[in-house]
Amino acid sequence: MRLESAVYLLAGTMVTVSTVLALTVSHWWLLLTAFVGLNLVQSAFTGFCPAEMIFKKMGLSQRSCG
């Protein structure tokens, strides 16, 4: 899996899970959705992405594995 795909997968999963939790548990879970969205926006402007750094340490590369 490419690094970029892993970041998208993580963000999409977090948004989906927090939305489901907001609908079933508490509306406060929408704060997680807002956090993910704001992190994506700041990453687009600054190029700094904490998830990308973590995935790089886990050994994911920029190129496709396969």
PDB file of N, CA and C in Angstrom:
ATOM      1  N   MET A   1       0.849  -1.176   0.000  1.00  0.00           N
ATOM      2  CA  MET A   1       0.000   0.000   0.000  1.00  0.00           C
ATOM      3  C   MET A   1       0.890   1.233   0.000  1.00  0.00           C
ATOM      4  N   ARG A   2       0.521   2.188  -0.824  1.00  0.00           N
ATOM      5  CA  ARG A   2       1.278   3.440  -0.882  1.00  0.00           C
ATOM      6  C   ARG A   2       0.991   4.288   0.357  1.00  0.00           C
ATOM      7  N   LEU A   3       1.941   5.131   0.680  1.00  0.00           N
ATOM      8  CA  LEU A   3       1.832   6.016   1.839  1.00  0.00           C
ATOM      9  C   LEU A   3       0.605   6.922   1.727  1.00  0.00           C
ATOM     10  N   GLU A   4       0.415   7.513   0.569  1.00  0.00           N
ATOM     11  CA  GLU A   4      -0.721   8.409   0.363  1.00  0.00           C
ATOM     12  C   GLU A   4      -2.047   7.679   0.549  1.00  0.00           C
ATOM     13  N   SER A   5      -2.129   6.458   0.048  1.00  0.00           N
ATOM     14  CA  SER A   5      -3.346   5.661   0.194  1.00  0.00           C
ATOM     15  C   SER A   5      -3.619   5.331   1.656  1.00  0.00           C
ATOM     16  N   ALA A   6      -2.566   5.068   2.421  1.00  0.00           N
ATOM     17  CA  ALA A   6      -2.719   4.756   3.842  1.00  0.00           C
ATOM     18  C   ALA A   6      -3.260   5.958   4.609  1.00  0.00           C
ATOM     19  N   VAL A   7      -2.789   7.143   4.272  1.00  0.00           N
ATOM     20  CA  VAL A   7      -3.272   8.355   4.932  1.00  0.00           C
ATOM     21  C   VAL A   7      -4.755   8.573   4.602  1.00  0.00           C
ATOM     22  N   TYR A   8      -5.112   8.395   3.334  1.00  0.00           N
ATOM     23  CA  TYR A   8      -6.522   8.534   2.941  1.00  0.00           C
ATOM     24  C   TYR A   8      -7.399   7.494   3.636  1.00  0.00           C
ATOM     25  N   LEU A   9      -6.898   6.270   3.725  1.00  0.00           N
ATOM     26  CA  LEU A   9      -7.643   5.206   4.385  1.00  0.00           C
ATOM     27  C   LEU A   9      -7.870   5.524   5.858  1.00  0.00           C
ATOM     28  N   LEU A  10      -6.836   5.995   6.524  1.00  0.00           N
ATOM     29  CA  LEU A  10      -6.955   6.361   7.939  1.00  0.00           C
ATOM     30  C   LEU A  10      -7.964   7.495   8.130  1.00  0.00           C
ATOM     31  N   ALA A  11      -7.847   8.551   7.329  1.00  0.00           N
ATOM     32  CA  ALA A  11      -8.754   9.693   7.453  1.00  0.00           C
ATOM     33  C   ALA A  11     -10.196   9.272   7.179  1.00  0.00           C
ATOM     34  N   GLY A  12     -10.403   8.505   6.141  1.00  0.00           N
ATOM     35  CA  GLY A  12     -11.755   8.050   5.811  1.00  0.00           C
ATOM     36  C   GLY A  12     -12.349   7.171   6.887  1.00  0.00           C
ATOM     37  N   THR A  13     -11.529   6.299   7.443  1.00  0.00           N
ATOM     38  CA  THR A  13     -11.995   5.426   8.521  1.00  0.00           C
ATOM     39  C   THR A  13     -12.365   6.237   9.757  1.00  0.00           C
ATOM     40  N   MET A  14     -11.520   7.194  10.107  1.00  0.00           N
ATOM     41  CA  MET A  14     -11.797   8.017  11.292  1.00  0.00           C
ATOM     42  C   MET A  14     -13.083   8.826  11.120  1.00  0.00           C
ATOM     43  N   VAL A  15     -13.296   9.392   9.943  1.00  0.00           N
ATOM     44  CA  VAL A  15     -14.511  10.162   9.690  1.00  0.00           C
ATOM     45  C   VAL A  15     -15.745   9.260   9.752  1.00  0.00           C
ATOM     46  N   THR A  16     -15.656   8.089   9.134  1.00  0.00           N
ATOM     47  CA  THR A  16     -16.786   7.163   9.131  1.00  0.00           C
ATOM     48  C   THR A  16     -17.116   6.679  10.539  1.00  0.00           C
ATOM     49  N   VAL A  17     -16.107   6.272  11.286  1.00  0.00           N
ATOM     50  CA  VAL A  17     -16.327   5.780  12.651  1.00  0.00           C
ATOM     51  C   VAL A  17     -16.894   6.883  13.534  1.00  0.00           C
ATOM     52  N   SER A  18     -16.334   8.079  13.450  1.00  0.00           N
ATOM     53  CA  SER A  18     -16.829   9.156  14.315  1.00  0.00           C
ATOM     54  C   SER A  18     -18.248   9.565  13.937  1.00  0.00           C
ATOM     55  N   THR A  19     -18.594   9.489  12.657  1.00  0.00           N
ATOM     56  CA  THR A  19     -19.965   9.803  12.246  1.00  0.00           C
ATOM     57  C   THR A  19     -20.944   8.771  12.789  1.00  0.00           C
ATOM     58  N   VAL A  20     -20.585   7.503  12.690  1.00  0.00           N
ATOM     59  CA  VAL A  20     -21.451   6.445  13.229  1.00  0.00           C
ATOM     60  C   VAL A  20     -21.595   6.607  14.740  1.00  0.00           C
ATOM     61  N   LEU A  21     -20.494   6.895  15.423  1.00  0.00           N
ATOM     62  CA  LEU A  21     -20.563   7.100  16.877  1.00  0.00           C
ATOM     63  C   LEU A  21     -21.392   8.333  17.227  1.00  0.00           C
ATOM     64  N   ALA A  22     -21.327   9.364  16.415  1.00  0.00           N
ATOM     65  CA  ALA A  22     -22.138  10.563  16.657  1.00  0.00           C
ATOM     66  C   ALA A  22     -23.623  10.250  16.515  1.00  0.00           C
ATOM     67  N   LEU A  23     -23.954   9.397  15.575  1.00  0.00           N
ATOM     68  CA  LEU A  23     -25.357   9.042  15.365  1.00  0.00           C
ATOM     69  C   LEU A  23     -25.891   8.066  16.412  1.00  0.00           C
ATOM     70  N   THR A  24     -25.014   7.242  16.970  1.00  0.00           N
ATOM     71  CA  THR A  24     -25.468   6.193  17.888  1.00  0.00           C
ATOM     72  C   THR A  24     -25.143   6.443  19.353  1.00  0.00           C
ATOM     73  N   VAL A  25     -24.093   7.212  19.644  1.00  0.00           N
ATOM     74  CA  VAL A  25     -23.651   7.380  21.028  1.00  0.00           C
ATOM     75  C   VAL A  25     -23.838   8.815  21.510  1.00  0.00           C
ATOM     76  N   SER A  26     -23.095   9.738  20.908  1.00  0.00           N
ATOM     77  CA  SER A  26     -23.135  11.130  21.346  1.00  0.00           C
ATOM     78  C   SER A  26     -22.696  12.041  20.207  1.00  0.00           C
ATOM     79  N   HIS A  27     -23.346  13.186  20.112  1.00  0.00           N
ATOM     80  CA  HIS A  27     -22.983  14.135  19.057  1.00  0.00           C
ATOM     81  C   HIS A  27     -21.579  14.697  19.247  1.00  0.00           C
ATOM     82  N   TRP A  28     -20.990  14.539  20.410  1.00  0.00           N
ATOM     83  CA  TRP A  28     -19.638  15.034  20.673  1.00  0.00           C
ATOM     84  C   TRP A  28     -18.590  14.330  19.820  1.00  0.00           C
ATOM     85  N   TRP A  29     -18.921  13.156  19.280  1.00  0.00           N
ATOM     86  CA  TRP A  29     -17.981  12.459  18.397  1.00  0.00           C
ATOM     87  C   TRP A  29     -17.734  13.224  17.112  1.00  0.00           C
ATOM     88  N   LEU A  30     -18.590  14.178  16.795  1.00  0.00           N
ATOM     89  CA  LEU A  30     -18.366  14.992  15.601  1.00  0.00           C
ATOM     90  C   LEU A  30     -17.115  15.865  15.735  1.00  0.00           C
ATOM     91  N   LEU A  31     -16.665  16.062  16.958  1.00  0.00           N
ATOM     92  CA  LEU A  31     -15.407  16.794  17.155  1.00  0.00           C
ATOM     93  C   LEU A  31     -14.234  16.045  16.529  1.00  0.00           C
ATOM     94  N   LEU A  32     -14.283  14.718  16.562  1.00  0.00           N
ATOM     95  CA  LEU A  32     -13.234  13.936  15.915  1.00  0.00           C
ATOM     96  C   LEU A  32     -13.275  14.141  14.403  1.00  0.00           C
ATOM     97  N   THR A  33     -14.471  14.177  13.843  1.00  0.00           N
ATOM     98  CA  THR A  33     -14.616  14.438  12.414  1.00  0.00           C
ATOM     99  C   THR A  33     -14.044  15.811  12.065  1.00  0.00           C
ATOM    100  N   ALA A  34     -14.352  16.807  12.879  1.00  0.00           N
ATOM    101  CA  ALA A  34     -13.832  18.155  12.645  1.00  0.00           C
ATOM    102  C   ALA A  34     -12.314  18.176  12.762  1.00  0.00           C
ATOM    103  N   PHE A  35     -11.765  17.453  13.728  1.00  0.00           N
ATOM    104  CA  PHE A  35     -10.310  17.400  13.902  1.00  0.00           C
ATOM    105  C   PHE A  35      -9.632  16.799  12.670  1.00  0.00           C
ATOM    106  N   VAL A  36     -10.190  15.711  12.165  1.00  0.00           N
ATOM    107  CA  VAL A  36      -9.621  15.072  10.979  1.00  0.00           C
ATOM    108  C   VAL A  36      -9.678  16.025   9.787  1.00  0.00           C
ATOM    109  N   GLY A  37     -10.811  16.693   9.611  1.00  0.00           N
ATOM    110  CA  GLY A  37     -10.948  17.638   8.507  1.00  0.00           C
ATOM    111  C   GLY A  37      -9.971  18.791   8.606  1.00  0.00           C
ATOM    112  N   LEU A  38      -9.833  19.360   9.782  1.00  0.00           N
ATOM    113  CA  LEU A  38      -8.887  20.463   9.977  1.00  0.00           C
ATOM    114  C   LEU A  38      -7.446  20.008   9.772  1.00  0.00           C
ATOM    115  N   ASN A  39      -7.148  18.786  10.190  1.00  0.00           N
ATOM    116  CA  ASN A  39      -5.799  18.253   9.988  1.00  0.00           C
ATOM    117  C   ASN A  39      -5.510  18.090   8.498  1.00  0.00           C
ATOM    118  N   LEU A  40      -6.486  17.656   7.722  1.00  0.00           N
ATOM    119  CA  LEU A  40      -6.296  17.528   6.277  1.00  0.00           C
ATOM    120  C   LEU A  40      -6.081  18.887   5.625  1.00  0.00           C
ATOM    121  N   VAL A  41      -6.815  19.892   6.077  1.00  0.00           N
ATOM    122  CA  VAL A  41      -6.660  21.240   5.519  1.00  0.00           C
ATOM    123  C   VAL A  41      -5.278  21.800   5.838  1.00  0.00           C
ATOM    124  N   GLN A  42      -4.859  21.703   7.100  1.00  0.00           N
ATOM    125  CA  GLN A  42      -3.539  22.241   7.455  1.00  0.00           C
ATOM    126  C   GLN A  42      -2.442  21.468   6.751  1.00  0.00           C
ATOM    127  N   SER A  43      -2.624  20.177   6.547  1.00  0.00           N
ATOM    128  CA  SER A  43      -1.634  19.378   5.833  1.00  0.00           C
ATOM    129  C   SER A  43      -1.500  19.821   4.380  1.00  0.00           C
ATOM    130  N   ALA A  44      -2.612  20.204   3.774  1.00  0.00           N
ATOM    131  CA  ALA A  44      -2.573  20.673   2.392  1.00  0.00           C
ATOM    132  C   ALA A  44      -1.774  21.964   2.269  1.00  0.00           C
ATOM    133  N   PHE A  45      -1.846  22.810   3.280  1.00  0.00           N
ATOM    134  CA  PHE A  45      -1.140  24.090   3.225  1.00  0.00           C
ATOM    135  C   PHE A  45       0.306  24.009   3.704  1.00  0.00           C
ATOM    136  N   THR A  46       0.565  23.168   4.707  1.00  0.00           N
ATOM    137  CA  THR A  46       1.902  23.146   5.304  1.00  0.00           C
ATOM    138  C   THR A  46       2.750  21.967   4.861  1.00  0.00           C
ATOM    139  N   GLY A  47       2.116  20.900   4.401  1.00  0.00           N
ATOM    140  CA  GLY A  47       2.845  19.693   4.033  1.00  0.00           C
ATOM    141  C   GLY A  47       3.197  18.822   5.228  1.00  0.00           C
ATOM    142  N   PHE A  48       2.790  19.223   6.432  1.00  0.00           N
ATOM    143  CA  PHE A  48       3.067  18.461   7.647  1.00  0.00           C
ATOM    144  C   PHE A  48       1.878  17.563   7.966  1.00  0.00           C
ATOM    145  N   CYS A  49       2.128  16.259   8.038  1.00  0.00           N
ATOM    146  CA  CYS A  49       1.072  15.299   8.338  1.00  0.00           C
ATOM    147  C   CYS A  49       1.595  14.292   9.357  1.00  0.00           C
ATOM    148  N   PRO A  50       1.099  14.336  10.585  1.00  0.00           N
ATOM    149  CA  PRO A  50       1.563  13.399  11.611  1.00  0.00           C
ATOM    150  C   PRO A  50       1.338  11.935  11.222  1.00  0.00           C
ATOM    151  N   ALA A  51       0.207  11.644  10.599  1.00  0.00           N
ATOM    152  CA  ALA A  51      -0.068  10.264  10.199  1.00  0.00           C
ATOM    153  C   ALA A  51       0.965   9.771   9.190  1.00  0.00           C
ATOM    154  N   GLU A  52       1.370  10.639   8.284  1.00  0.00           N
ATOM    155  CA  GLU A  52       2.382  10.275   7.291  1.00  0.00           C
ATOM    156  C   GLU A  52       3.704   9.931   7.968  1.00  0.00           C
ATOM    157  N   MET A  53       4.073  10.701   8.967  1.00  0.00           N
ATOM    158  CA  MET A  53       5.306  10.437   9.692  1.00  0.00           C
ATOM    159  C   MET A  53       5.251   9.074  10.387  1.00  0.00           C
ATOM    160  N   ILE A  54       4.107   8.763  10.981  1.00  0.00           N
ATOM    161  CA  ILE A  54       3.945   7.476  11.669  1.00  0.00           C
ATOM    162  C   ILE A  54       4.015   6.326  10.671  1.00  0.00           C
ATOM    163  N   PHE A  55       3.324   6.471   9.537  1.00  0.00           N
ATOM    164  CA  PHE A  55       3.346   5.420   8.527  1.00  0.00           C
ATOM    165  C   PHE A  55       4.745   5.215   7.952  1.00  0.00           C
ATOM    166  N   LYS A  56       5.498   6.284   7.801  1.00  0.00           N
ATOM    167  CA  LYS A  56       6.884   6.145   7.317  1.00  0.00           C
ATOM    168  C   LYS A  56       7.720   5.346   8.307  1.00  0.00           C
ATOM    169  N   LYS A  57       7.532   5.597   9.609  1.00  0.00           N
ATOM    170  CA  LYS A  57       8.262   4.851  10.628  1.00  0.00           C
ATOM    171  C   LYS A  57       7.847   3.383  10.641  1.00  0.00           C
ATOM    172  N   MET A  58       6.606   3.112  10.206  1.00  0.00           N
ATOM    173  CA  MET A  58       6.121   1.734  10.133  1.00  0.00           C
ATOM    174  C   MET A  58       6.637   1.021   8.884  1.00  0.00           C
ATOM    175  N   GLY A  59       7.281   1.759   7.996  1.00  0.00           N
ATOM    176  CA  GLY A  59       7.897   1.144   6.844  1.00  0.00           C
ATOM    177  C   GLY A  59       7.156   1.283   5.533  1.00  0.00           C
ATOM    178  N   LEU A  60       6.083   2.056   5.488  1.00  0.00           N
ATOM    179  CA  LEU A  60       5.399   2.271   4.226  1.00  0.00           C
ATOM    180  C   LEU A  60       6.227   3.192   3.347  1.00  0.00           C
ATOM    181  N   SER A  61       6.262   2.906   2.061  1.00  0.00           N
ATOM    182  CA  SER A  61       7.069   3.721   1.163  1.00  0.00           C
ATOM    183  C   SER A  61       6.178   4.595   0.291  1.00  0.00           C
ATOM    184  N   GLN A  62       6.800   5.488  -0.450  1.00  0.00           N
ATOM    185  CA  GLN A  62       6.075   6.382  -1.339  1.00  0.00           C
ATOM    186  C   GLN A  62       5.553   5.643  -2.567  1.00  0.00           C
ATOM    187  N   ARG A  63       6.239   4.573  -2.943  1.00  0.00           N
ATOM    188  CA  ARG A  63       5.846   3.884  -4.160  1.00  0.00           C
ATOM    189  C   ARG A  63       4.938   2.699  -3.846  1.00  0.00           C
ATOM    190  N   SER A  64       4.305   2.201  -4.859  1.00  0.00           N
ATOM    191  CA  SER A  64       3.394   1.083  -4.717  1.00  0.00           C
ATOM    192  C   SER A  64       4.164  -0.193  -4.383  1.00  0.00           C
ATOM    193  N   CYS A  65       3.599  -0.987  -3.526  1.00  0.00           N
ATOM    194  CA  CYS A  65       4.223  -2.263  -3.155  1.00  0.00           C
ATOM    195  C   CYS A  65       3.655  -3.366  -4.045  1.00  0.00           C
ATOM    196  N   GLY A  66       4.307  -3.708  -5.092  1.00  0.00           N
ATOM    197  CA  GLY A  66       3.779  -4.785  -5.912  1.00  0.00           C
ATOM    198  C   GLY A  66       4.176  -4.681  -7.271  1.00  0.00           C
TER     199      GLY A  66
END
